[in-house]
Amino acid sequence: MVKGVPVKAIISGPVFSEYYTKVRQALGDADLSAVWLIKPVEIVNETYSEPKIEEESQYPFSVHLDRLVNK
């Protein structure tokens, strides 16, 4: 996931038209009111594997009992 700060809203013109077409192709009869340009501030990894590894290293004794039995 990327966290960011909105910089500009585009509500018309060629950039808006390009994304309007893409949204309509992907979602059908959908409305698009603006295209937001966002300045990235932080990138957060939210995949399953990395937080799991971090949690297991911080809390090695917090394991579900079924994982201890079913190895």
N, C-alpha and C. Protein backbone atom coordinates (compact mmCIF):
# COMPACT_ATOMS: atom_id res chain seq x y z
N MET A 1 0.84 -1.17 0.00
CA MET A 1 0.00 0.00 0.00
C MET A 1 0.89 1.23 0.00
N VAL A 2 0.44 2.26 -0.66
CA VAL A 2 1.16 3.52 -0.70
C VAL A 2 0.32 4.58 0.01
N LYS A 3 0.91 5.24 0.98
CA LYS A 3 0.23 6.37 1.63
C LYS A 3 0.77 7.64 0.98
N GLY A 4 -0.12 8.61 0.78
CA GLY A 4 0.33 9.82 0.12
C GLY A 4 -0.53 11.02 0.42
N VAL A 5 -0.14 12.13 -0.19
CA VAL A 5 -0.84 13.40 -0.01
C VAL A 5 -1.41 13.82 -1.36
N PRO A 6 -2.72 14.12 -1.43
CA PRO A 6 -3.30 14.58 -2.69
C PRO A 6 -2.66 15.90 -3.11
N VAL A 7 -2.29 15.96 -4.39
CA VAL A 7 -1.62 17.15 -4.91
C VAL A 7 -2.54 17.93 -5.85
N LYS A 8 -3.28 17.18 -6.69
CA LYS A 8 -4.09 17.85 -7.70
C LYS A 8 -5.24 16.94 -8.11
N ALA A 9 -6.40 17.53 -8.35
CA ALA A 9 -7.55 16.81 -8.89
C ALA A 9 -7.75 17.26 -10.34
N ILE A 10 -7.83 16.29 -11.23
CA ILE A 10 -8.04 16.59 -12.65
C ILE A 10 -9.48 16.22 -12.99
N ILE A 11 -10.25 17.19 -13.49
CA ILE A 11 -11.68 16.95 -13.75
C ILE A 11 -12.04 17.07 -15.23
N SER A 12 -11.05 17.38 -16.07
CA SER A 12 -11.31 17.47 -17.52
C SER A 12 -9.99 17.37 -18.26
N GLY A 13 -10.07 17.28 -19.59
CA GLY A 13 -8.87 17.25 -20.40
C GLY A 13 -8.44 15.84 -20.78
N PRO A 14 -7.29 15.72 -21.45
CA PRO A 14 -6.87 14.43 -21.99
C PRO A 14 -6.54 13.39 -20.92
N VAL A 15 -5.95 13.79 -19.82
CA VAL A 15 -5.64 12.82 -18.75
C VAL A 15 -6.93 12.28 -18.16
N PHE A 16 -7.88 13.16 -17.87
CA PHE A 16 -9.16 12.73 -17.34
C PHE A 16 -9.86 11.79 -18.33
N SER A 17 -9.87 12.17 -19.61
CA SER A 17 -10.54 11.35 -20.64
C SER A 17 -9.93 9.96 -20.73
N GLU A 18 -8.61 9.87 -20.63
CA GLU A 18 -7.95 8.57 -20.70
C GLU A 18 -8.40 7.67 -19.55
N TYR A 19 -8.41 8.20 -18.34
CA TYR A 19 -8.82 7.39 -17.19
C TYR A 19 -10.32 7.13 -17.17
N TYR A 20 -11.10 8.08 -17.66
CA TYR A 20 -12.55 7.87 -17.76
C TYR A 20 -12.84 6.67 -18.66
N THR A 21 -12.14 6.60 -19.79
CA THR A 21 -12.32 5.47 -20.71
C THR A 21 -11.90 4.16 -20.05
N LYS A 22 -10.77 4.16 -19.34
CA LYS A 22 -10.29 2.94 -18.68
C LYS A 22 -11.26 2.47 -17.60
N VAL A 23 -11.81 3.41 -16.84
CA VAL A 23 -12.76 3.05 -15.78
C VAL A 23 -14.02 2.46 -16.39
N ARG A 24 -14.52 3.06 -17.45
CA ARG A 24 -15.73 2.55 -18.10
C ARG A 24 -15.50 1.17 -18.70
N GLN A 25 -14.30 0.93 -19.26
CA GLN A 25 -14.00 -0.38 -19.82
C GLN A 25 -13.92 -1.44 -18.72
N ALA A 26 -13.35 -1.06 -17.58
CA ALA A 26 -13.16 -2.02 -16.49
C ALA A 26 -14.45 -2.27 -15.71
N LEU A 27 -15.24 -1.22 -15.49
CA LEU A 27 -16.39 -1.32 -14.58
C LEU A 27 -17.74 -1.17 -15.26
N GLY A 28 -17.75 -0.92 -16.55
CA GLY A 28 -19.04 -0.76 -17.23
C GLY A 28 -19.61 0.63 -17.02
N ASP A 29 -20.88 0.70 -16.68
CA ASP A 29 -21.58 1.97 -16.52
C ASP A 29 -21.22 2.62 -15.18
N ALA A 30 -19.98 3.10 -15.07
CA ALA A 30 -19.51 3.72 -13.84
C ALA A 30 -19.18 5.19 -14.10
N ASP A 31 -19.24 5.97 -13.04
CA ASP A 31 -18.94 7.40 -13.14
C ASP A 31 -17.56 7.68 -12.55
N LEU A 32 -16.87 8.63 -13.14
CA LEU A 32 -15.59 9.09 -12.62
C LEU A 32 -15.68 10.59 -12.51
N SER A 33 -15.50 11.12 -11.31
CA SER A 33 -15.63 12.56 -11.12
C SER A 33 -14.29 13.28 -11.14
N ALA A 34 -13.20 12.58 -10.80
CA ALA A 34 -11.89 13.23 -10.79
C ALA A 34 -10.79 12.18 -10.83
N VAL A 35 -9.66 12.58 -11.36
CA VAL A 35 -8.44 11.79 -11.31
C VAL A 35 -7.51 12.53 -10.36
N TRP A 36 -7.08 11.85 -9.30
CA TRP A 36 -6.24 12.50 -8.29
C TRP A 36 -4.78 12.16 -8.51
N LEU A 37 -3.94 13.18 -8.50
CA LEU A 37 -2.49 12.98 -8.47
C LEU A 37 -2.09 12.99 -7.00
N ILE A 38 -1.39 11.95 -6.58
CA ILE A 38 -1.04 11.78 -5.18
C ILE A 38 0.47 11.66 -5.04
N LYS A 39 1.05 12.47 -4.17
CA LYS A 39 2.49 12.41 -3.90
C LYS A 39 2.74 11.31 -2.86
N PRO A 40 3.48 10.27 -3.21
CA PRO A 40 3.75 9.20 -2.24
C PRO A 40 4.56 9.70 -1.05
N VAL A 41 4.17 9.27 0.14
CA VAL A 41 4.87 9.64 1.36
C VAL A 41 5.48 8.41 2.02
N GLU A 42 4.77 7.29 1.94
CA GLU A 42 5.23 6.07 2.61
C GLU A 42 4.73 4.85 1.84
N ILE A 43 5.58 3.85 1.75
CA ILE A 43 5.18 2.58 1.14
C ILE A 43 5.14 1.54 2.24
N VAL A 44 3.99 0.90 2.41
CA VAL A 44 3.78 -0.08 3.46
C VAL A 44 3.53 -1.43 2.80
N ASN A 45 4.31 -2.42 3.19
CA ASN A 45 4.14 -3.76 2.64
C ASN A 45 3.03 -4.47 3.42
N GLU A 46 1.96 -4.81 2.73
CA GLU A 46 0.84 -5.48 3.38
C GLU A 46 0.63 -6.89 2.84
N THR A 47 1.68 -7.50 2.30
CA THR A 47 1.53 -8.89 1.88
C THR A 47 1.42 -9.74 3.13
N TYR A 48 0.92 -10.94 2.97
CA TYR A 48 0.73 -11.82 4.13
C TYR A 48 2.06 -12.27 4.72
N SER A 49 3.03 -12.58 3.88
CA SER A 49 4.25 -13.23 4.37
C SER A 49 5.13 -12.32 5.23
N GLU A 50 5.32 -11.07 4.86
CA GLU A 50 6.25 -10.23 5.61
C GLU A 50 5.76 -9.88 7.02
N PRO A 51 4.51 -9.43 7.21
CA PRO A 51 4.05 -9.20 8.58
C PRO A 51 4.04 -10.48 9.42
N LYS A 52 3.77 -11.62 8.77
CA LYS A 52 3.76 -12.90 9.48
C LYS A 52 5.15 -13.21 10.03
N ILE A 53 6.18 -13.04 9.20
CA ILE A 53 7.56 -13.27 9.63
C ILE A 53 7.93 -12.32 10.76
N GLU A 54 7.55 -11.05 10.63
CA GLU A 54 7.84 -10.05 11.66
C GLU A 54 7.14 -10.41 12.98
N GLU A 55 5.88 -10.80 12.90
CA GLU A 55 5.13 -11.16 14.11
C GLU A 55 5.74 -12.39 14.78
N GLU A 56 6.10 -13.38 14.00
CA GLU A 56 6.68 -14.60 14.58
C GLU A 56 8.04 -14.34 15.22
N SER A 57 8.79 -13.39 14.67
CA SER A 57 10.10 -13.09 15.28
C SER A 57 9.93 -12.26 16.57
N GLN A 58 8.91 -11.41 16.62
CA GLN A 58 8.67 -10.60 17.82
C GLN A 58 7.99 -11.40 18.93
N TYR A 59 7.13 -12.32 18.55
CA TYR A 59 6.35 -13.10 19.51
C TYR A 59 6.49 -14.59 19.22
N PRO A 60 7.65 -15.17 19.47
CA PRO A 60 7.87 -16.56 19.08
C PRO A 60 7.00 -17.57 19.83
N PHE A 61 6.46 -17.20 20.97
CA PHE A 61 5.65 -18.13 21.74
C PHE A 61 4.15 -17.93 21.54
N SER A 62 3.78 -17.04 20.64
CA SER A 62 2.36 -16.83 20.30
C SER A 62 2.05 -17.58 19.02
N VAL A 63 1.91 -18.88 19.13
CA VAL A 63 1.66 -19.74 17.98
C VAL A 63 0.37 -20.49 18.22
N HIS A 64 -0.44 -20.62 17.17
CA HIS A 64 -1.65 -21.42 17.29
C HIS A 64 -1.26 -22.86 17.57
N LEU A 65 -1.96 -23.49 18.49
CA LEU A 65 -1.62 -24.86 18.88
C LEU A 65 -1.69 -25.85 17.72
N ASP A 66 -2.61 -25.66 16.80
CA ASP A 66 -2.72 -26.58 15.67
C ASP A 66 -1.46 -26.56 14.80
N ARG A 67 -0.75 -25.45 14.77
CA ARG A 67 0.50 -25.39 13.99
C ARG A 67 1.61 -26.20 14.65
N LEU A 68 1.55 -26.34 15.97
CA LEU A 68 2.55 -27.14 16.67
C LEU A 68 2.32 -28.64 16.44
N VAL A 69 1.06 -29.02 16.32
CA VAL A 69 0.70 -30.42 16.15
C VAL A 69 0.82 -30.86 14.70
N ASN A 70 0.38 -30.04 13.77
CA ASN A 70 0.31 -30.41 12.35
C ASN A 70 1.55 -29.95 11.58
N LYS A 71 2.68 -30.47 11.89
CA LYS A 71 3.91 -30.09 11.16
C LYS A 71 4.23 -31.09 10.11
